[in-house]
């Protein structure tokens, strides 16, 4: 008789979701017993539907043999399920159970098979994709295409199971973001699972994880999808979450430094900064999303936030290329004239530069501030500014030393846009203009400049 498997409460929740949906994504943090859940469900489907055929996939053979197959063997085959194996072909890595059902272990191997040819003749009822965040979206779509193509298990439903850790790639865009908004399409479910949902993790291990850096703890233990961690190749290579992110207090008596990037997809961004002595603080970000990705809509949000409390005046910064006539805007107006008009109650003054500074040079300046606090300048980003934080981490360096313009597409409108960099661009513009004398001195390789008190007195520079 086949041994029964006892799921944890969170695994049982995911199991019930699988009964009602075709696709289930399970996970969100480390050690949530995600791989165990996927193996358990596939074995269950094999015996519920004799003669069925299932794929178990990871992105490489190394991770199949060293991780997924280890979980499968130690927790199931070594616990008595090996008695029900008819044959396990180690050349094709196809396991056949005694009721005729099969499991095919196969990696994505995208680096060596970018056309996904290995999937083209695959006939399966469904699949378990472990750590789906590591594979390509095209591979996932190919698995959807092949699921249901095996016709030798009457009545067997199509089921696609996935596990993941928090990520900032297509998995977040396609599943987590719609789930968070309550907009996941019918037939798809996401079940968040944390390490605390695994009752078999010892308390001593949970305590040891508290020694992780703050933001790694947020991602890997708390399952926070809105924080991205550095993986290498960053343009802002000296930006560190634990050093440059924290709680920033708004001071109504200090000027607001409002910086813009002339952009509408995926949002119209504006950053709100304050400067206290030589400390440059980002206190809030606004990301006007369609249909509110207009200048007037974002200005209304700024007025709503600060209109009744702010006393310290305002300076406007941003992309210099937007300081021109625009055929899409009424005659005699441009991007910044509209901003100045909409925010007139704050008596704004323009500090928009005549042209944007060199990407490499301003990057060197800002990285030096981040690393050494050059000229005593310090940068702090409020922890609520998730877009900006992720831009600092996600913006990569191109081969020529500039910012890599990585493009992506909106899953609904298919509009293409730059994935990262909008908020860091507007931050660059603000820093280089507000600390213009220091920037000039840095470019000349000059000596240390004595800090100026009261940054609101700095005049607009023109570079």
Foldseek 3Di string as FASTA:
>chain_A
DDDDDDDFPLLVVQVVLQVFFAEEEEEQAPQLCQLVSLLNVVVVLCVVFQQFEEEEEEADPCCVVVPNVVSNCVVAVVVPQVVQWPDQDPVQRWTAGVRNYIYGYDYQPCVVCVVSVVLPPDAGQEYEYEACVPDDPVVVVSRVVRHPRDDRGPPRHRHYYYYHFQDDDVCCQQPVVCVVVVRHDGRYYYRYGFNVSDPPDDPVVVVVLVPDPPVVCCRHGVSDNLADDADDQFLLVLDDCNAAEAADDDDLQFAWEKFWEPDPVQFTKIWTWGQAQQEIETHDMDGQGPPQRDLLSSLVVVCVVRVVRHDHAYEYEYALVQPDDDPVDDPPDTSVNVNCVSNVSRVYDYQYANHDDDQQLLSVVVSCCSNPVALVHHHHYYPVHSQLNCLNRVFGADPVSGTDQDWDANPPPRDIHRPHDRNVRRVSRRVCFLPVVVSVCVVVVHDRDHGDGRSVPDDRDYD
